[in-house]
Amino acid sequence: MNSKEEAIVVIPARRDSTRLPKKLSLAESGKPLLAHTVEQCLQASLPSRVVVAVDCEELAAIAETAGAQAVFTQPT
């Protein structure tokens, strides 16, 4: 049995936000906010993978380009 610690980071990401529409895909600093978030999580020492729970193709593409696995959530 392998006793190595494993952690998975899960980032919830919705396209619609109430105060700033599409804020996760805004690229004011050259890359989308979601990409910055994924990259910071990937640089942490413990997570073995980063998963982004998304509700649209646009955010899935951003997450995957940044190195995360995108998982689609069901609409509420």
N, C-alpha and C. Protein backbone atom coordinates (compact mmCIF):
# COMPACT_ATOMS: atom_id res chain seq x y z
N MET A 1 0.83 -1.18 0.00
CA MET A 1 0.00 0.00 0.00
C MET A 1 0.88 1.25 0.00
N ASN A 2 0.54 2.21 -0.81
CA ASN A 2 1.28 3.45 -0.90
C ASN A 2 0.74 4.45 0.11
N SER A 3 1.61 4.99 0.96
CA SER A 3 1.16 5.91 2.00
C SER A 3 1.35 7.37 1.61
N LYS A 4 1.67 7.63 0.37
CA LYS A 4 1.87 9.00 -0.10
C LYS A 4 0.57 9.80 0.05
N GLU A 5 0.71 11.01 0.60
CA GLU A 5 -0.46 11.87 0.73
C GLU A 5 -0.90 12.37 -0.64
N GLU A 6 -2.19 12.48 -0.80
CA GLU A 6 -2.73 12.97 -2.07
C GLU A 6 -3.83 13.97 -1.77
N ALA A 7 -3.82 15.04 -2.52
CA ALA A 7 -4.87 16.06 -2.37
C ALA A 7 -5.31 16.50 -3.75
N ILE A 8 -6.59 16.74 -3.86
CA ILE A 8 -7.15 17.25 -5.11
C ILE A 8 -7.80 18.59 -4.81
N VAL A 9 -7.47 19.58 -5.60
CA VAL A 9 -8.09 20.90 -5.47
C VAL A 9 -9.28 20.94 -6.41
N VAL A 10 -10.44 21.36 -5.90
CA VAL A 10 -11.63 21.52 -6.73
C VAL A 10 -12.01 23.00 -6.70
N ILE A 11 -12.08 23.60 -7.89
CA ILE A 11 -12.42 25.01 -8.02
C ILE A 11 -13.81 25.11 -8.64
N PRO A 12 -14.79 25.66 -7.93
CA PRO A 12 -16.10 25.87 -8.54
C PRO A 12 -16.06 27.11 -9.43
N ALA A 13 -16.51 26.99 -10.66
CA ALA A 13 -16.45 28.11 -11.60
C ALA A 13 -17.76 28.23 -12.38
N ARG A 14 -18.47 29.30 -12.14
CA ARG A 14 -19.71 29.58 -12.88
C ARG A 14 -19.49 30.73 -13.83
N ARG A 15 -20.11 30.67 -14.98
CA ARG A 15 -19.96 31.74 -15.96
C ARG A 15 -20.67 33.01 -15.51
N ASP A 16 -21.88 32.89 -14.99
CA ASP A 16 -22.66 34.07 -14.62
C ASP A 16 -22.35 34.50 -13.20
N SER A 17 -21.94 35.74 -13.06
CA SER A 17 -21.74 36.31 -11.74
C SER A 17 -22.63 37.55 -11.64
N THR A 18 -23.04 37.88 -10.44
CA THR A 18 -24.03 38.95 -10.30
C THR A 18 -23.46 40.35 -10.45
N ARG A 19 -22.30 40.62 -9.89
CA ARG A 19 -21.77 41.98 -9.94
C ARG A 19 -20.87 42.26 -11.12
N LEU A 20 -20.14 41.27 -11.60
CA LEU A 20 -19.23 41.47 -12.73
C LEU A 20 -19.40 40.29 -13.68
N PRO A 21 -20.24 40.45 -14.69
CA PRO A 21 -20.53 39.35 -15.63
C PRO A 21 -19.25 38.77 -16.26
N LYS A 22 -19.20 37.46 -16.33
CA LYS A 22 -18.09 36.71 -16.96
C LYS A 22 -16.72 37.04 -16.37
N LYS A 23 -16.67 37.34 -15.08
CA LYS A 23 -15.40 37.77 -14.49
C LYS A 23 -14.30 36.72 -14.59
N LEU A 24 -14.64 35.44 -14.55
CA LEU A 24 -13.60 34.41 -14.61
C LEU A 24 -12.91 34.32 -15.96
N SER A 25 -13.56 34.83 -17.00
CA SER A 25 -12.94 34.78 -18.33
C SER A 25 -12.33 36.12 -18.74
N LEU A 26 -12.45 37.14 -17.89
CA LEU A 26 -11.84 38.43 -18.21
C LEU A 26 -10.32 38.32 -18.14
N ALA A 27 -9.67 38.91 -19.13
CA ALA A 27 -8.21 38.81 -19.22
C ALA A 27 -7.57 40.18 -19.10
N GLU A 28 -7.87 40.89 -18.04
CA GLU A 28 -7.34 42.24 -17.85
C GLU A 28 -5.83 42.26 -17.70
N SER A 29 -5.24 41.21 -17.19
CA SER A 29 -3.79 41.17 -16.99
C SER A 29 -3.09 40.28 -18.01
N GLY A 30 -3.78 39.97 -19.10
CA GLY A 30 -3.18 39.15 -20.14
C GLY A 30 -3.68 37.72 -20.19
N LYS A 31 -4.24 37.24 -19.09
CA LYS A 31 -4.83 35.90 -19.08
C LYS A 31 -6.05 35.93 -18.18
N PRO A 32 -6.99 35.03 -18.42
CA PRO A 32 -8.22 35.02 -17.63
C PRO A 32 -7.98 34.77 -16.13
N LEU A 33 -8.85 35.33 -15.31
CA LEU A 33 -8.77 35.14 -13.86
C LEU A 33 -8.76 33.66 -13.49
N LEU A 34 -9.57 32.86 -14.16
CA LEU A 34 -9.59 31.43 -13.87
C LEU A 34 -8.24 30.79 -14.14
N ALA A 35 -7.55 31.21 -15.18
CA ALA A 35 -6.23 30.66 -15.49
C ALA A 35 -5.24 30.99 -14.38
N HIS A 36 -5.28 32.22 -13.87
CA HIS A 36 -4.41 32.59 -12.74
C HIS A 36 -4.67 31.69 -11.54
N THR A 37 -5.95 31.46 -11.25
CA THR A 37 -6.32 30.63 -10.10
C THR A 37 -5.80 29.20 -10.25
N VAL A 38 -6.00 28.62 -11.43
CA VAL A 38 -5.53 27.26 -11.69
C VAL A 38 -4.01 27.19 -11.55
N GLU A 39 -3.31 28.13 -12.14
CA GLU A 39 -1.85 28.12 -12.10
C GLU A 39 -1.32 28.21 -10.67
N GLN A 40 -1.95 29.03 -9.84
CA GLN A 40 -1.53 29.13 -8.44
C GLN A 40 -1.76 27.82 -7.70
N CYS A 41 -2.87 27.18 -7.97
CA CYS A 41 -3.14 25.88 -7.33
C CYS A 41 -2.14 24.82 -7.77
N LEU A 42 -1.77 24.83 -9.04
CA LEU A 42 -0.81 23.85 -9.55
C LEU A 42 0.58 24.06 -8.95
N GLN A 43 0.89 25.28 -8.54
CA GLN A 43 2.19 25.57 -7.95
C GLN A 43 2.28 25.17 -6.47
N ALA A 44 1.15 24.90 -5.86
CA ALA A 44 1.15 24.49 -4.45
C ALA A 44 1.85 23.14 -4.32
N SER A 45 2.39 22.85 -3.16
CA SER A 45 3.22 21.65 -3.01
C SER A 45 2.45 20.34 -2.92
N LEU A 46 1.25 20.33 -2.39
CA LEU A 46 0.58 19.06 -2.15
C LEU A 46 -0.39 18.57 -3.22
N PRO A 47 -1.17 19.41 -3.86
CA PRO A 47 -2.19 18.85 -4.77
C PRO A 47 -1.60 17.99 -5.87
N SER A 48 -2.23 16.83 -6.09
CA SER A 48 -1.79 15.96 -7.17
C SER A 48 -2.51 16.32 -8.47
N ARG A 49 -3.65 16.98 -8.34
CA ARG A 49 -4.34 17.47 -9.53
C ARG A 49 -5.32 18.57 -9.15
N VAL A 50 -5.68 19.35 -10.16
CA VAL A 50 -6.62 20.45 -9.98
C VAL A 50 -7.81 20.18 -10.89
N VAL A 51 -9.00 20.22 -10.32
CA VAL A 51 -10.24 19.99 -11.05
C VAL A 51 -11.07 21.27 -10.97
N VAL A 52 -11.60 21.70 -12.12
CA VAL A 52 -12.47 22.87 -12.14
C VAL A 52 -13.87 22.42 -12.52
N ALA A 53 -14.83 22.70 -11.64
CA ALA A 53 -16.23 22.38 -11.90
C ALA A 53 -16.83 23.54 -12.68
N VAL A 54 -17.15 23.31 -13.95
CA VAL A 54 -17.58 24.39 -14.85
C VAL A 54 -19.01 24.17 -15.32
N ASP A 55 -19.59 25.26 -15.85
CA ASP A 55 -20.94 25.17 -16.39
C ASP A 55 -21.03 25.57 -17.86
N CYS A 56 -19.86 25.78 -18.51
CA CYS A 56 -19.88 26.15 -19.93
C CYS A 56 -18.57 25.75 -20.60
N GLU A 57 -18.61 25.65 -21.91
CA GLU A 57 -17.43 25.27 -22.71
C GLU A 57 -16.30 26.29 -22.58
N GLU A 58 -16.65 27.57 -22.51
CA GLU A 58 -15.63 28.62 -22.43
C GLU A 58 -14.74 28.43 -21.19
N LEU A 59 -15.34 28.22 -20.04
CA LEU A 59 -14.56 28.03 -18.82
C LEU A 59 -13.82 26.69 -18.85
N ALA A 60 -14.40 25.68 -19.46
CA ALA A 60 -13.71 24.39 -19.59
C ALA A 60 -12.43 24.55 -20.39
N ALA A 61 -12.50 25.29 -21.47
CA ALA A 61 -11.32 25.51 -22.31
C ALA A 61 -10.24 26.28 -21.56
N ILE A 62 -10.64 27.29 -20.81
CA ILE A 62 -9.67 28.06 -20.02
C ILE A 62 -9.00 27.16 -18.99
N ALA A 63 -9.80 26.37 -18.28
CA ALA A 63 -9.26 25.48 -17.25
C ALA A 63 -8.28 24.47 -17.83
N GLU A 64 -8.66 23.85 -18.93
CA GLU A 64 -7.80 22.83 -19.53
C GLU A 64 -6.52 23.43 -20.10
N THR A 65 -6.62 24.60 -20.70
CA THR A 65 -5.43 25.28 -21.22
C THR A 65 -4.45 25.61 -20.09
N ALA A 66 -4.99 25.93 -18.92
CA ALA A 66 -4.15 26.27 -17.77
C ALA A 66 -3.59 25.04 -17.07
N GLY A 67 -4.06 23.84 -17.44
CA GLY A 67 -3.50 22.62 -16.88
C GLY A 67 -4.40 21.86 -15.92
N ALA A 68 -5.65 22.26 -15.80
CA ALA A 68 -6.59 21.58 -14.91
C ALA A 68 -7.49 20.63 -15.69
N GLN A 69 -8.17 19.79 -14.96
CA GLN A 69 -9.20 18.92 -15.54
C GLN A 69 -10.53 19.65 -15.37
N ALA A 70 -11.31 19.77 -16.43
CA ALA A 70 -12.63 20.41 -16.35
C ALA A 70 -13.70 19.34 -16.23
N VAL A 71 -14.62 19.55 -15.29
CA VAL A 71 -15.75 18.65 -15.07
C VAL A 71 -17.01 19.49 -15.14
N PHE A 72 -17.96 19.07 -15.97
CA PHE A 72 -19.19 19.85 -16.12
C PHE A 72 -20.16 19.54 -14.99
N THR A 73 -20.75 20.60 -14.45
CA THR A 73 -21.78 20.46 -13.43
C THR A 73 -23.14 20.44 -14.10
N GLN A 74 -24.13 19.95 -13.40
CA GLN A 74 -25.48 19.94 -13.94
C GLN A 74 -26.12 21.30 -13.67
N PRO A 75 -26.93 21.78 -14.60
CA PRO A 75 -27.61 23.06 -14.36
C PRO A 75 -28.57 22.95 -13.18
N THR A 76 -28.71 24.06 -12.46
CA THR A 76 -29.61 24.04 -11.30
C THR A 76 -30.94 24.65 -11.64
